[in-house]
Protein backbone atom coordinates (compact mmCIF):
# COMPACT_ATOMS: atom_id res chain seq x y z
CA MET A 1 0.00 0.00 0.00
CA LEU A 2 2.81 2.41 0.95
CA SER A 3 4.63 1.67 -2.31
CA PHE A 4 1.47 2.44 -4.28
CA ILE A 5 1.03 5.75 -2.45
CA ASN A 6 4.66 6.67 -3.12
CA LYS A 7 4.15 6.02 -6.83
CA ILE A 8 1.12 8.33 -6.87
CA ILE A 9 3.10 11.06 -5.08
CA SER A 10 5.97 10.66 -7.56
CA PHE A 11 3.54 10.94 -10.46
CA LEU A 12 1.83 14.07 -9.08
CA TYR A 13 5.03 15.69 -7.77
CA PRO A 14 7.92 14.41 -9.93
CA ASN A 15 11.49 14.89 -8.72
CA TYR A 16 14.27 16.17 -10.93
CA CYS A 17 18.04 15.81 -10.71
CA GLN A 18 19.51 18.63 -8.64
CA LYS A 19 22.29 19.08 -11.20
CA CYS A 20 20.95 18.39 -14.71
CA ASP A 21 17.15 18.57 -14.22
CA THR A 22 16.61 15.07 -15.59
CA LEU A 23 13.40 13.45 -14.33
CA LEU A 24 14.36 10.98 -11.59
CA THR A 25 13.23 7.37 -11.74
CA GLU A 26 12.77 4.89 -8.88
CA SER A 27 16.19 3.38 -9.59
CA ASP A 28 18.00 6.73 -9.32
CA PRO A 29 19.49 8.09 -6.08
CA LYS A 30 17.19 10.39 -4.11
CA VAL A 31 18.38 13.80 -5.36
CA PHE A 32 20.67 13.23 -8.35
CA CYS A 33 20.27 11.05 -11.43
CA GLN A 34 22.53 8.01 -11.75
CA THR A 35 24.60 9.64 -14.50
CA CYS A 36 25.45 12.67 -12.35
CA TRP A 37 25.91 10.50 -9.25
CA GLU A 38 28.64 8.58 -11.04
CA GLU A 39 30.68 11.81 -11.21
CA ILE A 40 31.46 11.47 -7.49
CA PRO A 41 35.28 11.70 -7.12
CA VAL A 42 35.87 8.33 -5.44
CA ILE A 43 39.40 8.16 -4.01
CA ARG A 44 41.56 5.63 -5.84
CA GLY A 45 45.26 5.01 -6.27
CA THR A 46 48.09 5.83 -3.88
CA VAL A 47 46.97 7.58 -0.70
CA CYS A 48 48.49 8.70 2.59
CA ARG A 49 47.88 5.88 5.05
CA LYS A 50 46.90 8.27 7.87
CA CYS A 51 44.70 10.91 6.21
CA TYR A 52 43.83 9.22 2.89
CA LYS A 53 45.02 12.19 0.89
CA PRO A 54 45.87 11.18 -2.70
CA VAL A 55 49.66 11.34 -2.96
CA ILE A 56 52.36 10.59 -5.50
CA THR A 57 55.03 9.58 -3.01
CA PRO A 58 55.15 5.86 -2.13
CA LYS A 59 56.53 6.63 1.37
CA GLY A 60 53.15 6.06 3.02
CA LEU A 61 52.65 9.46 4.65
CA CYS A 62 51.96 12.86 3.12
CA ARG A 63 53.99 15.91 4.13
CA ASP A 64 51.41 17.06 6.71
CA CYS A 65 51.14 13.67 8.40
CA ARG A 66 54.92 13.33 8.67
CA GLN A 67 54.77 16.34 11.02
CA VAL A 68 52.31 14.63 13.40
CA LYS A 69 54.13 13.02 16.33
CA ARG A 70 51.47 10.47 17.21
CA PHE A 71 48.15 9.33 15.75
CA SER A 72 45.45 8.14 18.13
CA TYR A 73 43.70 6.04 15.47
CA ASP A 74 45.14 3.07 13.61
CA LYS A 75 43.74 2.88 10.06
CA ILE A 76 41.51 5.04 7.89
CA ARG A 77 39.35 4.68 4.79
CA ILE A 78 37.61 7.58 3.05
CA LEU A 79 35.15 7.21 0.20
CA ALA A 80 35.59 10.33 -1.93
CA LEU A 81 36.93 13.86 -2.21
CA TYR A 82 34.81 16.65 -0.76
CA GLN A 83 34.26 18.54 -3.98
CA GLY A 84 31.86 18.94 -6.88
CA ILE A 85 28.65 16.95 -6.78
CA PHE A 86 29.68 15.07 -3.63
CA LYS A 87 30.18 18.28 -1.65
CA GLU A 88 26.79 19.50 -2.86
CA ALA A 89 25.16 16.19 -1.91
CA ILE A 90 26.56 16.27 1.63
CA HIS A 91 25.43 19.87 2.08
CA LEU A 92 21.90 18.98 0.98
CA TYR A 93 21.87 16.02 3.35
CA LYS A 94 23.15 17.92 6.39
CA TYR A 95 21.68 21.37 6.03
CA GLN A 96 18.49 20.90 4.01
CA LYS A 97 17.24 17.84 5.89
CA ARG A 98 17.40 15.46 2.93
CA TRP A 99 17.38 12.51 5.33
CA SER A 100 16.52 10.00 2.61
CA MET A 101 19.98 10.52 1.08
CA ALA A 102 21.49 8.47 3.92
CA VAL A 103 20.67 5.30 2.00
CA ASP A 104 22.51 6.63 -1.08
CA PHE A 105 25.64 7.33 0.97
CA PHE A 106 25.39 3.89 2.54
CA ARG A 107 25.16 2.25 -0.90
CA LEU A 108 28.27 4.10 -2.02
CA LEU A 109 30.17 2.94 1.06
CA SER A 110 29.06 -0.67 0.62
CA THR A 111 30.12 -0.55 -3.05
CA HIS A 112 33.53 1.10 -2.74
CA ILE A 113 34.80 0.25 0.76
CA ASP A 114 36.15 -3.25 1.26
CA LYS A 115 33.64 -5.35 3.18
CA SER A 116 36.27 -6.85 5.48
CA TYR A 117 37.38 -3.39 6.62
CA ILE A 118 33.99 -2.81 8.24
CA GLU A 119 33.19 -6.34 9.38
CA GLU A 120 36.42 -6.77 11.37
CA HIS A 121 35.15 -4.43 14.10
CA ASP A 122 33.26 -5.15 17.30
CA MET A 123 31.27 -1.93 17.13
CA ILE A 124 30.56 1.21 15.11
CA VAL A 125 30.72 4.56 16.93
CA PRO A 126 29.55 7.74 15.17
CA VAL A 127 31.34 11.02 15.79
CA PRO A 128 28.94 12.81 18.17
CA LEU A 129 26.91 15.85 17.20
CA SER A 130 26.35 18.61 19.73
CA ARG A 131 22.88 18.96 21.22
CA GLU A 132 22.49 22.41 19.66
CA LYS A 133 23.33 21.21 16.14
CA ARG A 134 21.08 18.19 16.50
CA LEU A 135 18.17 20.43 17.48
CA ILE A 136 18.83 22.71 14.50
CA ARG A 137 19.21 19.90 11.95
CA GLY A 138 16.63 17.60 13.47
CA PHE A 139 18.88 14.54 13.15
CA SER A 140 22.46 13.28 13.42
CA GLN A 141 23.84 12.81 9.90
CA THR A 142 26.52 10.36 11.04
CA LEU A 143 24.20 8.25 13.18
CA LEU A 144 21.66 7.78 10.38
CA ILE A 145 24.27 6.34 8.01
CA CYS A 146 25.72 4.22 10.83
CA ARG A 147 22.32 2.57 11.32
CA PHE A 148 22.46 1.26 7.75
CA LEU A 149 26.07 0.11 8.15
CA SER A 150 25.33 -1.65 11.42
CA LYS A 151 22.33 -3.53 10.06
CA TYR A 152 23.96 -4.53 6.77
CA TYR A 153 27.32 -5.64 8.19
CA GLN A 154 25.92 -7.00 11.46
CA VAL A 155 28.27 -4.88 13.57
CA SER A 156 26.97 -3.48 16.86
CA LEU A 157 26.08 0.23 16.82
CA GLU A 158 27.00 2.26 19.92
CA PRO A 159 25.56 5.76 19.41
CA LYS A 160 25.94 6.85 23.05
CA MET A 161 29.56 5.88 23.54
CA LEU A 162 30.76 9.44 22.92
CA PHE A 163 29.08 12.80 23.44
CA LYS A 164 29.93 16.49 23.14
CA SER A 165 30.64 17.82 26.64
CA ARG A 166 30.54 21.44 25.52
CA GLU A 167 29.50 23.48 22.52
CA THR A 168 32.31 24.54 20.19
CA PRO A 169 32.46 26.77 17.12
CA SER A 170 32.04 24.81 13.91
CA GLN A 171 35.36 23.34 12.79
CA SER A 172 34.71 24.46 9.21
CA THR A 173 34.77 28.12 10.30
CA LEU A 174 38.24 27.92 11.90
CA PRO A 175 41.76 28.05 10.43
CA LYS A 176 43.68 24.78 10.48
CA LYS A 177 45.87 25.66 13.49
CA GLU A 178 42.82 26.49 15.64
CA ARG A 179 40.84 23.31 14.98
CA LEU A 180 42.70 20.95 17.30
CA LYS A 181 42.65 23.54 20.08
CA ASN A 182 38.91 24.06 19.51
CA ILE A 183 37.97 20.38 19.74
CA LEU A 184 40.40 19.39 22.52
CA GLY A 185 38.50 18.36 25.65
CA SER A 186 35.06 18.73 24.04
CA ILE A 187 34.54 14.99 23.40
CA ALA A 188 33.53 12.95 26.45
CA PHE A 189 33.03 9.24 27.08
CA ASN A 190 29.94 7.74 28.67
CA ARG A 191 31.61 5.85 31.53
CA LYS A 192 28.73 3.38 31.75
CA ASN A 193 30.12 1.89 28.54
CA ILE A 194 33.61 1.09 29.84
CA PRO A 195 32.82 -2.66 30.13
CA LYS A 196 31.57 -2.66 26.52
CA ILE A 197 34.65 -1.05 24.99
CA LYS A 198 37.49 -2.67 26.92
CA GLY A 199 39.73 -4.59 24.51
CA LYS A 200 37.43 -4.00 21.53
CA LYS A 201 38.06 -2.91 17.93
CA VAL A 202 36.08 0.23 17.16
CA LEU A 203 35.09 1.69 13.80
CA LEU A 204 34.73 5.45 14.22
CA PHE A 205 32.51 7.04 11.55
CA ASP A 206 32.44 10.68 10.43
CA ASP A 207 30.99 12.46 7.42
CA VAL A 208 33.81 14.83 6.38
CA TYR A 209 37.52 14.65 7.21
CA THR A 210 39.18 18.08 7.12
CA THR A 211 42.31 18.37 9.29
CA GLY A 212 41.62 15.19 11.25
CA ALA A 213 41.35 17.07 14.56
CA THR A 214 37.92 15.67 15.41
CA ILE A 215 38.68 12.03 14.70
CA ARG A 216 42.02 12.24 16.52
CA GLU A 217 40.29 13.59 19.62
CA CYS A 218 37.49 10.98 19.43
CA SER A 219 40.02 8.19 18.93
CA ARG A 220 42.12 9.40 21.84
CA VAL A 221 39.11 9.35 24.16
CA LEU A 222 38.05 5.88 22.99
CA LYS A 223 41.52 4.43 23.58
CA GLU A 224 41.89 6.12 26.95
CA HIS A 225 38.77 4.23 28.05
CA GLY A 226 39.91 0.83 26.87
CA ALA A 227 39.49 0.43 23.09
CA ARG A 228 42.19 -1.88 21.71
CA ARG A 229 42.09 -0.41 18.20
CA VAL A 230 40.26 2.49 16.59
CA ASN A 231 39.92 2.62 12.82
CA VAL A 232 38.20 5.40 10.92
CA LEU A 233 35.67 5.49 8.09
CA ALA A 234 34.52 8.75 6.50
CA LEU A 235 32.38 9.78 3.56
CA ALA A 236 34.65 12.51 2.26
CA ARG A 237 37.91 14.38 2.78
CA SER A 238 38.55 18.02 1.99
CA VAL A 239 41.03 18.88 -0.72
C-alpha cells in the first residue's frame, strides 16, 4: 500500500536531478540522477595511510602527516573527495534535511569500501553531534548512516559511547591551526560503557575529514577508556 502511495506522489510531484534537471526514476538516487551521481570523485590510487590524501610519493605518509608526532587512530578509509557533486550532496543532506539521502551514501560505502574493513570491528561509533546542532538539523547525519552500516554488516552500533561535553564553534569556520585547540577536551566518554569497549576494535565514523582534529580527539578518548584499536571510516575528505 505504501509503495502504491509513493508512486502516486511521484507521479503528481515528480522529482528532478539537482544538477541536470533530468526526471528521476525509482532506480536513481534520491536527489541526483545516476549519470550525475557517477561523477562522485571516489578516491583511488596511492593515498596517505593516515589521512587518505591522494599522494604521488610511495613513502606512506603525506607531508602534513609526517609532522604529526602520534596518531590516536590506527587505520583510515575515506570514500571520496569533498568537492563537486559530492560536496553539494553532503550539504543537501546535512543542512536541508534530505534525510533520505542516507541510503545513497550507505550504498556508495558498501560498493567502494572493502567489506572486510567494516566487518572486522566489534562496534561502530559515530562522531557525536552537539545537542544544539542536532536540534537545529533535526537529526544526526553520522548516526543515520551508521544505522544502515550496522544492520547490513551486522556490527553493533554504539551511538551513546561518545558525546559532546561542551558546545564549540564549527570546525569548518576555523583556520587549520585552531581546529585541534577548539575540539580538545570537548569529546567525552559515557563511563557506563567502559565494560563494553574494553579490549574492543572500534570503527569510528564521520561524514567529512578536514584536518583530522575531530577524529584524533574521538580516537584518543576511545583508547583512553579501553578500546584496543580504533579505525576510521569517513564519507569525504577536503582537498
